[in-house]
Amino acid sequence: MLETEVDSVTLPTTLGEITVLPHHIPLVANLSAGEIRYKAQGKENFFAVSGGVIEVKKDGEIVVLADSAEFGHEIDLAKAEQARAEAQKLMSQTHKNDKSLADAASWLERSQARIRVAKKHHSHRGTKLDIEQD
């Protein structure tokens, strides 16, 4: 669990990417697999999510209920790249109307988000973020 004050947060939703700033209108949206970026105290932080729901409340609080969430330091880049390769292989072997094609595409999207976040973490090693978990 992460609870922190932020200046802005950018989230991947099923309708596209949105950025929430102070005084944003109340909103509920479905998350898609991708990267959540937030700015706090002048620093940009990011993590990968695989889906879920967000709610922007009237008081400005943002609640993110993610199916899964990983910071860059938690992602094994080699395993994420292997998962991407397996998803791409599976996509090439499935029929266009097959449910497994949608599953493979979803798996590919999650893998690519994890890789992006892991690579950003490795390129920003000077930035440290302490996270309190329950």
C-alpha atoms as a PDB file:
ATOM      1  CA  MET A   1       0.000   0.000   0.000  1.00  0.00           C
ATOM      2  CA  LEU A   2       1.214   3.470  -0.877  1.00  0.00           C
ATOM      3  CA  GLU A   3      -0.279   6.568   0.681  1.00  0.00           C
ATOM      4  CA  THR A   4       1.317   9.893  -0.163  1.00  0.00           C
ATOM      5  CA  GLU A   5       0.590  13.508  -1.092  1.00  0.00           C
ATOM      6  CA  VAL A   6       1.063  14.121  -4.820  1.00  0.00           C
ATOM      7  CA  ASP A   7       1.093  17.125  -7.148  1.00  0.00           C
ATOM      8  CA  SER A   8      -0.303  15.130 -10.068  1.00  0.00           C
ATOM      9  CA  VAL A   9      -0.922  11.562 -11.136  1.00  0.00           C
ATOM     10  CA  THR A  10      -1.183  10.156 -14.662  1.00  0.00           C
ATOM     11  CA  LEU A  11      -3.092   6.910 -15.062  1.00  0.00           C
ATOM     12  CA  PRO A  12      -3.811   4.511 -17.934  1.00  0.00           C
ATOM     13  CA  THR A  13      -7.569   4.030 -18.239  1.00  0.00           C
ATOM     14  CA  THR A  14      -9.611   1.986 -20.671  1.00  0.00           C
ATOM     15  CA  LEU A  15     -10.619   5.274 -22.343  1.00  0.00           C
ATOM     16  CA  GLY A  16      -7.058   6.596 -22.574  1.00  0.00           C
ATOM     17  CA  GLU A  17      -4.462   8.172 -20.342  1.00  0.00           C
ATOM     18  CA  ILE A  18      -5.648  10.822 -17.865  1.00  0.00           C
ATOM     19  CA  THR A  19      -3.809  13.221 -15.586  1.00  0.00           C
ATOM     20  CA  VAL A  20      -5.385  14.221 -12.304  1.00  0.00           C
ATOM     21  CA  LEU A  21      -4.394  17.611 -10.888  1.00  0.00           C
ATOM     22  CA  PRO A  22      -5.633  19.425  -7.774  1.00  0.00           C
ATOM     23  CA  HIS A  23      -9.360  20.329  -7.915  1.00  0.00           C
ATOM     24  CA  HIS A  24     -10.135  17.585 -10.445  1.00  0.00           C
ATOM     25  CA  ILE A  25     -13.810  16.702 -10.785  1.00  0.00           C
ATOM     26  CA  PRO A  26     -14.986  13.475  -9.111  1.00  0.00           C
ATOM     27  CA  LEU A  27     -14.443  10.511 -11.394  1.00  0.00           C
ATOM     28  CA  VAL A  28     -14.541   6.725 -11.461  1.00  0.00           C
ATOM     29  CA  ALA A  29     -12.719   4.881 -14.249  1.00  0.00           C
ATOM     30  CA  ASN A  30     -11.347   1.457 -15.101  1.00  0.00           C
ATOM     31  CA  LEU A  31      -7.573   1.111 -15.194  1.00  0.00           C
ATOM     32  CA  SER A  32      -5.920  -0.662 -18.066  1.00  0.00           C
ATOM     33  CA  ALA A  33      -2.509  -2.302 -17.976  1.00  0.00           C
ATOM     34  CA  GLY A  34       0.178   0.325 -18.118  1.00  0.00           C
ATOM     35  CA  GLU A  35       2.207   2.787 -16.127  1.00  0.00           C
ATOM     36  CA  ILE A  36       1.067   5.115 -13.365  1.00  0.00           C
ATOM     37  CA  ARG A  37       3.235   8.211 -12.966  1.00  0.00           C
ATOM     38  CA  TYR A  38       2.970  10.626 -10.097  1.00  0.00           C
ATOM     39  CA  LYS A  39       4.839  13.746  -9.076  1.00  0.00           C
ATOM     40  CA  ALA A  40       5.523  14.398  -5.437  1.00  0.00           C
ATOM     41  CA  GLN A  41       7.916  16.961  -3.984  1.00  0.00           C
ATOM     42  CA  GLY A  42       9.346  17.721  -7.423  1.00  0.00           C
ATOM     43  CA  LYS A  43      10.210  14.103  -8.239  1.00  0.00           C
ATOM     44  CA  GLU A  44       8.484  11.817 -10.723  1.00  0.00           C
ATOM     45  CA  ASN A  45       7.783   8.247  -9.615  1.00  0.00           C
ATOM     46  CA  PHE A  46       6.211   5.410 -11.554  1.00  0.00           C
ATOM     47  CA  PHE A  47       4.922   1.874 -11.244  1.00  0.00           C
ATOM     48  CA  ALA A  48       3.304  -0.747 -13.459  1.00  0.00           C
ATOM     49  CA  VAL A  49      -0.317  -1.835 -13.010  1.00  0.00           C
ATOM     50  CA  SER A  50      -2.241  -4.618 -14.682  1.00  0.00           C
ATOM     51  CA  GLY A  51      -5.711  -3.136 -14.371  1.00  0.00           C
ATOM     52  CA  GLY A  52      -8.214  -2.140 -11.721  1.00  0.00           C
ATOM     53  CA  VAL A  53     -10.336   0.867 -10.823  1.00  0.00           C
ATOM     54  CA  ILE A  54      -9.622   4.476  -9.829  1.00  0.00           C
ATOM     55  CA  GLU A  55     -11.790   6.964  -7.999  1.00  0.00           C
ATOM     56  CA  VAL A  56     -11.172  10.685  -7.695  1.00  0.00           C
ATOM     57  CA  LYS A  57     -13.203  11.892  -4.726  1.00  0.00           C
ATOM     58  CA  LYS A  58     -14.734  15.335  -4.136  1.00  0.00           C
ATOM     59  CA  ASP A  59     -12.095  16.164  -1.522  1.00  0.00           C
ATOM     60  CA  GLY A  60      -9.300  15.486  -4.050  1.00  0.00           C
ATOM     61  CA  GLU A  61      -8.342  12.082  -2.683  1.00  0.00           C
ATOM     62  CA  ILE A  62      -7.430   9.567  -5.387  1.00  0.00           C
ATOM     63  CA  VAL A  63      -8.050   5.907  -4.663  1.00  0.00           C
ATOM     64  CA  VAL A  64      -6.401   3.350  -6.928  1.00  0.00           C
ATOM     65  CA  LEU A  65      -7.484  -0.273  -6.573  1.00  0.00           C
ATOM     66  CA  ALA A  66      -5.075  -2.140  -8.831  1.00  0.00           C
ATOM     67  CA  ASP A  67      -5.209  -5.819  -9.749  1.00  0.00           C
ATOM     68  CA  SER A  68      -1.428  -5.739  -9.359  1.00  0.00           C
ATOM     69  CA  ALA A  69       1.116  -2.961  -8.944  1.00  0.00           C
ATOM     70  CA  GLU A  70       4.913  -3.088  -9.057  1.00  0.00           C
ATOM     71  CA  PHE A  71       7.577  -0.449  -8.676  1.00  0.00           C
ATOM     72  CA  GLY A  72      10.577  -0.722 -10.978  1.00  0.00           C
ATOM     73  CA  HIS A  73      12.858  -2.162  -8.296  1.00  0.00           C
ATOM     74  CA  GLU A  74      10.374  -5.012  -7.767  1.00  0.00           C
ATOM     75  CA  ILE A  75      10.365  -6.129 -11.411  1.00  0.00           C
ATOM     76  CA  ASP A  76      12.731  -8.808 -12.681  1.00  0.00           C
ATOM     77  CA  LEU A  77      13.495  -7.381 -16.121  1.00  0.00           C
ATOM     78  CA  ALA A  78      14.675 -10.695 -17.571  1.00  0.00           C
ATOM     79  CA  LYS A  79      11.459 -12.449 -16.516  1.00  0.00           C
ATOM     80  CA  ALA A  80       9.337  -9.571 -17.861  1.00  0.00           C
ATOM     81  CA  GLU A  81      11.118  -9.758 -21.226  1.00  0.00           C
ATOM     82  CA  GLN A  82      10.647 -13.540 -21.286  1.00  0.00           C
ATOM     83  CA  ALA A  83       6.916 -13.093 -20.580  1.00  0.00           C
ATOM     84  CA  ARG A  84       6.691 -10.565 -23.435  1.00  0.00           C
ATOM     85  CA  ALA A  85       8.348 -12.999 -25.835  1.00  0.00           C
ATOM     86  CA  GLU A  86       5.994 -15.803 -24.763  1.00  0.00           C
ATOM     87  CA  ALA A  87       2.955 -13.531 -25.202  1.00  0.00           C
ATOM     88  CA  GLN A  88       4.127 -12.493 -28.687  1.00  0.00           C
ATOM     89  CA  LYS A  89       4.643 -16.157 -29.629  1.00  0.00           C
ATOM     90  CA  LEU A  90       1.190 -17.071 -28.326  1.00  0.00           C
ATOM     91  CA  MET A  91      -0.395 -14.204 -30.286  1.00  0.00           C
ATOM     92  CA  SER A  92       1.179 -15.428 -33.515  1.00  0.00           C
ATOM     93  CA  GLN A  93      -0.216 -18.915 -32.934  1.00  0.00           C
ATOM     94  CA  THR A  94      -3.833 -18.024 -32.148  1.00  0.00           C
ATOM     95  CA  HIS A  95      -6.789 -17.357 -34.410  1.00  0.00           C
ATOM     96  CA  LYS A  96      -8.098 -13.818 -34.682  1.00  0.00           C
ATOM     97  CA  ASN A  97     -11.506 -14.689 -33.200  1.00  0.00           C
ATOM     98  CA  ASP A  98     -10.055 -16.840 -30.458  1.00  0.00           C
ATOM     99  CA  LYS A  99     -10.425 -15.704 -26.826  1.00  0.00           C
ATOM    100  CA  SER A 100      -6.830 -16.755 -26.283  1.00  0.00           C
ATOM    101  CA  LEU A 101      -5.759 -13.972 -28.660  1.00  0.00           C
ATOM    102  CA  ALA A 102      -7.332 -11.384 -26.333  1.00  0.00           C
ATOM    103  CA  ASP A 103      -5.692 -13.069 -23.350  1.00  0.00           C
ATOM    104  CA  ALA A 104      -2.312 -13.048 -25.107  1.00  0.00           C
ATOM    105  CA  ALA A 105      -2.724  -9.371 -26.068  1.00  0.00           C
ATOM    106  CA  SER A 106      -3.531  -8.514 -22.449  1.00  0.00           C
ATOM    107  CA  TRP A 107      -0.509 -10.494 -21.266  1.00  0.00           C
ATOM    108  CA  LEU A 108       1.665  -8.683 -23.810  1.00  0.00           C
ATOM    109  CA  GLU A 109       0.364  -5.274 -22.684  1.00  0.00           C
ATOM    110  CA  ARG A 110       1.103  -6.079 -19.019  1.00  0.00           C
ATOM    111  CA  SER A 111       4.579  -7.362 -19.866  1.00  0.00           C
ATOM    112  CA  GLN A 112       5.442  -4.272 -21.895  1.00  0.00           C
ATOM    113  CA  ALA A 113       4.297  -1.963 -19.063  1.00  0.00           C
ATOM    114  CA  ARG A 114       6.447  -3.885 -16.579  1.00  0.00           C
ATOM    115  CA  ILE A 115       9.463  -3.626 -18.887  1.00  0.00           C
ATOM    116  CA  ARG A 116       9.004   0.148 -19.342  1.00  0.00           C
ATOM    117  CA  VAL A 117       8.814   0.709 -15.591  1.00  0.00           C
ATOM    118  CA  ALA A 118      11.777  -1.570 -14.841  1.00  0.00           C
ATOM    119  CA  LYS A 119      13.924   0.210 -17.435  1.00  0.00           C
ATOM    120  CA  LYS A 120      12.954   3.621 -16.033  1.00  0.00           C
ATOM    121  CA  HIS A 121      13.903   2.431 -12.565  1.00  0.00           C
ATOM    122  CA  HIS A 122      17.321   1.303 -13.772  1.00  0.00           C
ATOM    123  CA  SER A 123      17.914   4.637 -15.528  1.00  0.00           C
ATOM    124  CA  HIS A 124      16.814   6.634 -12.416  1.00  0.00           C
ATOM    125  CA  ARG A 125      18.767   4.749  -9.777  1.00  0.00           C
ATOM    126  CA  GLY A 126      19.728   8.011  -8.072  1.00  0.00           C
ATOM    127  CA  THR A 127      16.108   8.602  -7.095  1.00  0.00           C
ATOM    128  CA  LYS A 128      15.095   6.680  -3.982  1.00  0.00           C
ATOM    129  CA  LEU A 129      11.521   6.253  -2.823  1.00  0.00           C
ATOM    130  CA  ASP A 130      10.622   4.760   0.543  1.00  0.00           C
ATOM    131  CA  ILE A 131       7.322   2.902   0.556  1.00  0.00           C
ATOM    132  CA  GLU A 132       5.448   1.900   3.653  1.00  0.00           C
ATOM    133  CA  GLN A 133       3.517  -1.325   3.244  1.00  0.00           C
ATOM    134  CA  ASP A 134       0.956  -2.876   5.585  1.00  0.00           C
END
